[in-house]
């Protein structure tokens, strides 16, 4: 690893962006389908709310 903090930050941002992509696919590919079929499912609503917050944080960290 480089001694330059700017290099570390770039690497970290890329890692956050990768996790963001995986999480987004989980939400849109799985959880959204669950909520469309069962919109009143308490667990799915909780998971969606929590993961939406995590997604927002990852989006900010990857900028």
PDB file of N, CA and C in Angstrom:
ATOM      1  N   UNK A   1       0.842  -1.176   0.000  1.00  0.00           N
ATOM      2  CA  UNK A   1       0.000   0.000   0.000  1.00  0.00           C
ATOM      3  C   UNK A   1       0.886   1.237   0.000  1.00  0.00           C
ATOM      4  N   UNK A   2       0.453   2.205  -0.698  1.00  0.00           N
ATOM      5  CA  UNK A   2       1.163   3.480  -0.805  1.00  0.00           C
ATOM      6  C   UNK A   2       1.237   4.179   0.558  1.00  0.00           C
ATOM      7  N   UNK A   3       2.161   5.063   0.674  1.00  0.00           N
ATOM      8  CA  UNK A   3       2.277   5.894   1.877  1.00  0.00           C
ATOM      9  C   UNK A   3       1.396   7.139   1.794  1.00  0.00           C
ATOM     10  N   UNK A   4       0.785   7.349   0.644  1.00  0.00           N
ATOM     11  CA  UNK A   4      -0.056   8.528   0.417  1.00  0.00           C
ATOM     12  C   UNK A   4      -1.479   8.303   0.910  1.00  0.00           C
ATOM     13  N   UNK A   5      -1.954   9.103   1.860  1.00  0.00           N
ATOM     14  CA  UNK A   5      -3.342   8.964   2.323  1.00  0.00           C
ATOM     15  C   UNK A   5      -4.369   9.095   1.194  1.00  0.00           C
ATOM     16  N   UNK A   6      -4.068   9.906   0.198  1.00  0.00           N
ATOM     17  CA  UNK A   6      -5.006  10.064  -0.926  1.00  0.00           C
ATOM     18  C   UNK A   6      -5.203   8.734  -1.657  1.00  0.00           C
ATOM     19  N   UNK A   7      -4.156   7.927  -1.738  1.00  0.00           N
ATOM     20  CA  UNK A   7      -4.268   6.608  -2.354  1.00  0.00           C
ATOM     21  C   UNK A   7      -5.143   5.686  -1.513  1.00  0.00           C
ATOM     22  N   UNK A   8      -5.014   5.755  -0.205  1.00  0.00           N
ATOM     23  CA  UNK A   8      -5.831   4.927   0.680  1.00  0.00           C
ATOM     24  C   UNK A   8      -7.299   5.304   0.524  1.00  0.00           C
ATOM     25  N   UNK A   9      -7.539   6.619   0.484  1.00  0.00           N
ATOM     26  CA  UNK A   9      -8.911   7.100   0.377  1.00  0.00           C
ATOM     27  C   UNK A   9      -9.539   6.626  -0.925  1.00  0.00           C
ATOM     28  N   UNK A  10      -8.807   6.706  -2.021  1.00  0.00           N
ATOM     29  CA  UNK A  10      -9.329   6.235  -3.309  1.00  0.00           C
ATOM     30  C   UNK A  10      -9.681   4.752  -3.249  1.00  0.00           C
ATOM     31  N   UNK A  11      -8.791   3.962  -2.655  1.00  0.00           N
ATOM     32  CA  UNK A  11      -9.034   2.530  -2.514  1.00  0.00           C
ATOM     33  C   UNK A  11     -10.281   2.276  -1.659  1.00  0.00           C
ATOM     34  N   UNK A  12     -10.386   2.981  -0.543  1.00  0.00           N
ATOM     35  CA  UNK A  12     -11.531   2.813   0.347  1.00  0.00           C
ATOM     36  C   UNK A  12     -12.831   3.191  -0.349  1.00  0.00           C
ATOM     37  N   UNK A  13     -12.815   4.276  -1.109  1.00  0.00           N
ATOM     38  CA  UNK A  13     -14.012   4.686  -1.842  1.00  0.00           C
ATOM     39  C   UNK A  13     -14.446   3.617  -2.832  1.00  0.00           C
ATOM     40  N   UNK A  14     -13.494   3.004  -3.504  1.00  0.00           N
ATOM     41  CA  UNK A  14     -13.821   1.944  -4.458  1.00  0.00           C
ATOM     42  C   UNK A  14     -14.431   0.738  -3.751  1.00  0.00           C
ATOM     43  N   UNK A  15     -13.915   0.423  -2.567  1.00  0.00           N
ATOM     44  CA  UNK A  15     -14.470  -0.693  -1.800  1.00  0.00           C
ATOM     45  C   UNK A  15     -15.903  -0.393  -1.360  1.00  0.00           C
ATOM     46  N   UNK A  16     -16.160   0.826  -0.907  1.00  0.00           N
ATOM     47  CA  UNK A  16     -17.516   1.218  -0.529  1.00  0.00           C
ATOM     48  C   UNK A  16     -18.454   1.142  -1.735  1.00  0.00           C
ATOM     49  N   UNK A  17     -17.949   1.543  -2.890  1.00  0.00           N
ATOM     50  CA  UNK A  17     -18.770   1.505  -4.095  1.00  0.00           C
ATOM     51  C   UNK A  17     -19.132   0.062  -4.476  1.00  0.00           C
ATOM     52  N   UNK A  18     -18.195  -0.868  -4.303  1.00  0.00           N
ATOM     53  CA  UNK A  18     -18.481  -2.280  -4.568  1.00  0.00           C
ATOM     54  C   UNK A  18     -19.569  -2.807  -3.632  1.00  0.00           C
ATOM     55  N   UNK A  19     -19.452  -2.488  -2.360  1.00  0.00           N
ATOM     56  CA  UNK A  19     -20.451  -2.930  -1.385  1.00  0.00           C
ATOM     57  C   UNK A  19     -21.804  -2.290  -1.701  1.00  0.00           C
ATOM     58  N   UNK A  20     -21.787  -1.026  -2.094  1.00  0.00           N
ATOM     59  CA  UNK A  20     -23.013  -0.326  -2.469  1.00  0.00           C
ATOM     60  C   UNK A  20     -23.705  -1.041  -3.625  1.00  0.00           C
ATOM     61  N   UNK A  21     -22.942  -1.450  -4.616  1.00  0.00           N
ATOM     62  CA  UNK A  21     -23.530  -2.168  -5.755  1.00  0.00           C
ATOM     63  C   UNK A  21     -24.176  -3.478  -5.336  1.00  0.00           C
ATOM     64  N   UNK A  22     -23.508  -4.221  -4.488  1.00  0.00           N
ATOM     65  CA  UNK A  22     -24.064  -5.491  -4.000  1.00  0.00           C
ATOM     66  C   UNK A  22     -25.336  -5.261  -3.193  1.00  0.00           C
ATOM     67  N   UNK A  23     -25.302  -4.278  -2.320  1.00  0.00           N
ATOM     68  CA  UNK A  23     -26.459  -3.978  -1.494  1.00  0.00           C
ATOM     69  C   UNK A  23     -27.636  -3.508  -2.343  1.00  0.00           C
ATOM     70  N   UNK A  24     -27.365  -2.671  -3.318  1.00  0.00           N
ATOM     71  CA  UNK A  24     -28.419  -2.189  -4.207  1.00  0.00           C
ATOM     72  C   UNK A  24     -29.079  -3.351  -4.944  1.00  0.00           C
ATOM     73  N   UNK A  25     -28.256  -4.296  -5.423  1.00  0.00           N
ATOM     74  CA  UNK A  25     -28.822  -5.474  -6.103  1.00  0.00           C
ATOM     75  C   UNK A  25     -29.663  -6.317  -5.148  1.00  0.00           C
ATOM     76  N   UNK A  26     -29.239  -6.437  -3.908  1.00  0.00           N
ATOM     77  CA  UNK A  26     -30.019  -7.178  -2.921  1.00  0.00           C
ATOM     78  C   UNK A  26     -31.376  -6.512  -2.702  1.00  0.00           C
ATOM     79  N   UNK A  27     -31.353  -5.199  -2.566  1.00  0.00           N
ATOM     80  CA  UNK A  27     -32.603  -4.473  -2.321  1.00  0.00           C
ATOM     81  C   UNK A  27     -33.520  -4.566  -3.533  1.00  0.00           C
ATOM     82  N   UNK A  28     -33.003  -4.242  -4.707  1.00  0.00           N
ATOM     83  CA  UNK A  28     -33.861  -4.199  -5.898  1.00  0.00           C
ATOM     84  C   UNK A  28     -34.209  -5.587  -6.427  1.00  0.00           C
ATOM     85  N   UNK A  29     -33.323  -6.546  -6.247  1.00  0.00           N
ATOM     86  CA  UNK A  29     -33.567  -7.877  -6.798  1.00  0.00           C
ATOM     87  C   UNK A  29     -34.307  -8.812  -5.881  1.00  0.00           C
ATOM     88  N   UNK A  30     -34.270  -8.560  -4.599  1.00  0.00           N
ATOM     89  CA  UNK A  30     -34.879  -9.490  -3.653  1.00  0.00           C
ATOM     90  C   UNK A  30     -35.897  -8.800  -2.757  1.00  0.00           C
ATOM     91  N   UNK A  31     -35.452  -7.829  -2.018  1.00  0.00           N
ATOM     92  CA  UNK A  31     -36.311  -7.208  -1.019  1.00  0.00           C
ATOM     93  C   UNK A  31     -37.488  -6.457  -1.637  1.00  0.00           C
ATOM     94  N   UNK A  32     -37.267  -5.761  -2.733  1.00  0.00           N
ATOM     95  CA  UNK A  32     -38.380  -5.053  -3.382  1.00  0.00           C
ATOM     96  C   UNK A  32     -39.447  -6.030  -3.860  1.00  0.00           C
ATOM     97  N   UNK A  33     -39.030  -7.178  -4.380  1.00  0.00           N
ATOM     98  CA  UNK A  33     -39.995  -8.196  -4.826  1.00  0.00           C
ATOM     99  C   UNK A  33     -40.802  -8.719  -3.643  1.00  0.00           C
ATOM    100  N   UNK A  34     -40.134  -8.934  -2.525  1.00  0.00           N
ATOM    101  CA  UNK A  34     -40.801  -9.380  -1.307  1.00  0.00           C
ATOM    102  C   UNK A  34     -41.872  -8.369  -0.905  1.00  0.00           C
ATOM    103  N   UNK A  35     -41.488  -7.090  -0.901  1.00  0.00           N
ATOM    104  CA  UNK A  35     -42.435  -6.050  -0.499  1.00  0.00           C
ATOM    105  C   UNK A  35     -43.581  -5.870  -1.492  1.00  0.00           C
ATOM    106  N   UNK A  36     -43.342  -6.115  -2.769  1.00  0.00           N
ATOM    107  CA  UNK A  36     -44.435  -6.025  -3.745  1.00  0.00           C
ATOM    108  C   UNK A  36     -45.471  -7.119  -3.496  1.00  0.00           C
ATOM    109  N   UNK A  37     -44.991  -8.306  -3.149  1.00  0.00           N
ATOM    110  CA  UNK A  37     -45.907  -9.429  -2.903  1.00  0.00           C
ATOM    111  C   UNK A  37     -46.582  -9.342  -1.536  1.00  0.00           C
ATOM    112  N   UNK A  38     -45.842  -8.834  -0.551  1.00  0.00           N
ATOM    113  CA  UNK A  38     -46.341  -8.768   0.825  1.00  0.00           C
ATOM    114  C   UNK A  38     -45.999  -7.411   1.428  1.00  0.00           C
ATOM    115  N   UNK A  39     -46.696  -6.367   1.001  1.00  0.00           N
ATOM    116  CA  UNK A  39     -46.341  -5.008   1.438  1.00  0.00           C
ATOM    117  C   UNK A  39     -46.486  -4.770   2.944  1.00  0.00           C
ATOM    118  N   UNK A  40     -47.262  -5.595   3.628  1.00  0.00           N
ATOM    119  CA  UNK A  40     -47.451  -5.400   5.068  1.00  0.00           C
ATOM    120  C   UNK A  40     -46.512  -6.252   5.914  1.00  0.00           C
ATOM    121  N   UNK A  41     -45.578  -6.953   5.279  1.00  0.00           N
ATOM    122  CA  UNK A  41     -44.643  -7.805   6.017  1.00  0.00           C
ATOM    123  C   UNK A  41     -43.733  -6.925   6.874  1.00  0.00           C
ATOM    124  N   UNK A  42     -43.868  -7.059   8.169  1.00  0.00           N
ATOM    125  CA  UNK A  42     -43.126  -6.200   9.106  1.00  0.00           C
ATOM    126  C   UNK A  42     -41.608  -6.378   8.970  1.00  0.00           C
ATOM    127  N   UNK A  43     -41.160  -7.620   8.818  1.00  0.00           N
ATOM    128  CA  UNK A  43     -39.726  -7.872   8.697  1.00  0.00           C
ATOM    129  C   UNK A  43     -39.164  -7.214   7.436  1.00  0.00           C
ATOM    130  N   UNK A  44     -39.858  -7.376   6.313  1.00  0.00           N
ATOM    131  CA  UNK A  44     -39.394  -6.797   5.051  1.00  0.00           C
ATOM    132  C   UNK A  44     -39.370  -5.277   5.130  1.00  0.00           C
ATOM    133  N   UNK A  45     -40.355  -4.691   5.787  1.00  0.00           N
ATOM    134  CA  UNK A  45     -40.374  -3.238   5.951  1.00  0.00           C
ATOM    135  C   UNK A  45     -39.186  -2.771   6.797  1.00  0.00           C
ATOM    136  N   UNK A  46     -38.910  -3.497   7.871  1.00  0.00           N
ATOM    137  CA  UNK A  46     -37.780  -3.154   8.723  1.00  0.00           C
ATOM    138  C   UNK A  46     -36.464  -3.277   7.965  1.00  0.00           C
ATOM    139  N   UNK A  47     -36.297  -4.394   7.253  1.00  0.00           N
ATOM    140  CA  UNK A  47     -35.076  -4.606   6.476  1.00  0.00           C
ATOM    141  C   UNK A  47     -34.906  -3.508   5.434  1.00  0.00           C
ATOM    142  N   UNK A  48     -35.989  -3.148   4.775  1.00  0.00           N
ATOM    143  CA  UNK A  48     -35.932  -2.106   3.754  1.00  0.00           C
ATOM    144  C   UNK A  48     -35.520  -0.768   4.354  1.00  0.00           C
ATOM    145  N   UNK A  49     -36.112  -0.416   5.479  1.00  0.00           N
ATOM    146  CA  UNK A  49     -35.781   0.858   6.122  1.00  0.00           C
ATOM    147  C   UNK A  49     -34.318   0.887   6.554  1.00  0.00           C
ATOM    148  N   UNK A  50     -33.854  -0.180   7.159  1.00  0.00           N
ATOM    149  CA  UNK A  50     -32.474  -0.236   7.625  1.00  0.00           C
ATOM    150  C   UNK A  50     -31.487  -0.193   6.460  1.00  0.00           C
ATOM    151  N   UNK A  51     -31.756  -1.001   5.448  1.00  0.00           N
ATOM    152  CA  UNK A  51     -30.834  -1.074   4.314  1.00  0.00           C
ATOM    153  C   UNK A  51     -30.846   0.192   3.470  1.00  0.00           C
ATOM    154  N   UNK A  52     -31.962   0.895   3.436  1.00  0.00           N
ATOM    155  CA  UNK A  52     -32.008   2.172   2.725  1.00  0.00           C
ATOM    156  C   UNK A  52     -31.064   3.175   3.386  1.00  0.00           C
ATOM    157  N   UNK A  53     -31.019   3.168   4.716  1.00  0.00           N
ATOM    158  CA  UNK A  53     -30.089   4.037   5.432  1.00  0.00           C
ATOM    159  C   UNK A  53     -28.638   3.662   5.176  1.00  0.00           C
ATOM    160  N   UNK A  54     -28.361   2.378   5.195  1.00  0.00           N
ATOM    161  CA  UNK A  54     -27.002   1.906   4.921  1.00  0.00           C
ATOM    162  C   UNK A  54     -26.603   2.285   3.502  1.00  0.00           C
ATOM    163  N   UNK A  55     -27.532   2.101   2.571  1.00  0.00           N
ATOM    164  CA  UNK A  55     -27.262   2.444   1.163  1.00  0.00           C
ATOM    165  C   UNK A  55     -26.925   3.926   1.008  1.00  0.00           C
ATOM    166  N   UNK A  56     -27.658   4.780   1.703  1.00  0.00           N
ATOM    167  CA  UNK A  56     -27.393   6.219   1.638  1.00  0.00           C
ATOM    168  C   UNK A  56     -25.999   6.545   2.186  1.00  0.00           C
ATOM    169  N   UNK A  57     -25.645   5.892   3.289  1.00  0.00           N
ATOM    170  CA  UNK A  57     -24.316   6.119   3.867  1.00  0.00           C
ATOM    171  C   UNK A  57     -23.209   5.648   2.925  1.00  0.00           C
ATOM    172  N   UNK A  58     -23.374   4.487   2.344  1.00  0.00           N
ATOM    173  CA  UNK A  58     -22.363   3.979   1.403  1.00  0.00           C
ATOM    174  C   UNK A  58     -22.229   4.876   0.180  1.00  0.00           C
ATOM    175  N   UNK A  59     -23.352   5.409  -0.276  1.00  0.00           N
ATOM    176  CA  UNK A  59     -23.320   6.314  -1.425  1.00  0.00           C
ATOM    177  C   UNK A  59     -22.487   7.552  -1.095  1.00  0.00           C
ATOM    178  N   UNK A  60     -22.652   8.087   0.108  1.00  0.00           N
ATOM    179  CA  UNK A  60     -21.873   9.264   0.507  1.00  0.00           C
ATOM    180  C   UNK A  60     -20.391   8.921   0.651  1.00  0.00           C
ATOM    181  N   UNK A  61     -20.103   7.774   1.239  1.00  0.00           N
ATOM    182  CA  UNK A  61     -18.711   7.386   1.468  1.00  0.00           C
ATOM    183  C   UNK A  61     -17.968   7.067   0.167  1.00  0.00           C
ATOM    184  N   UNK A  62     -18.693   6.676  -0.867  1.00  0.00           N
ATOM    185  CA  UNK A  62     -18.035   6.323  -2.124  1.00  0.00           C
ATOM    186  C   UNK A  62     -17.806   7.513  -3.037  1.00  0.00           C
ATOM    187  N   UNK A  63     -18.267   8.695  -2.646  1.00  0.00           N
ATOM    188  CA  UNK A  63     -18.070   9.912  -3.457  1.00  0.00           C
ATOM    189  C   UNK A  63     -16.681  10.455  -3.264  1.00  0.00           C
TER     190      UNK A  63
END
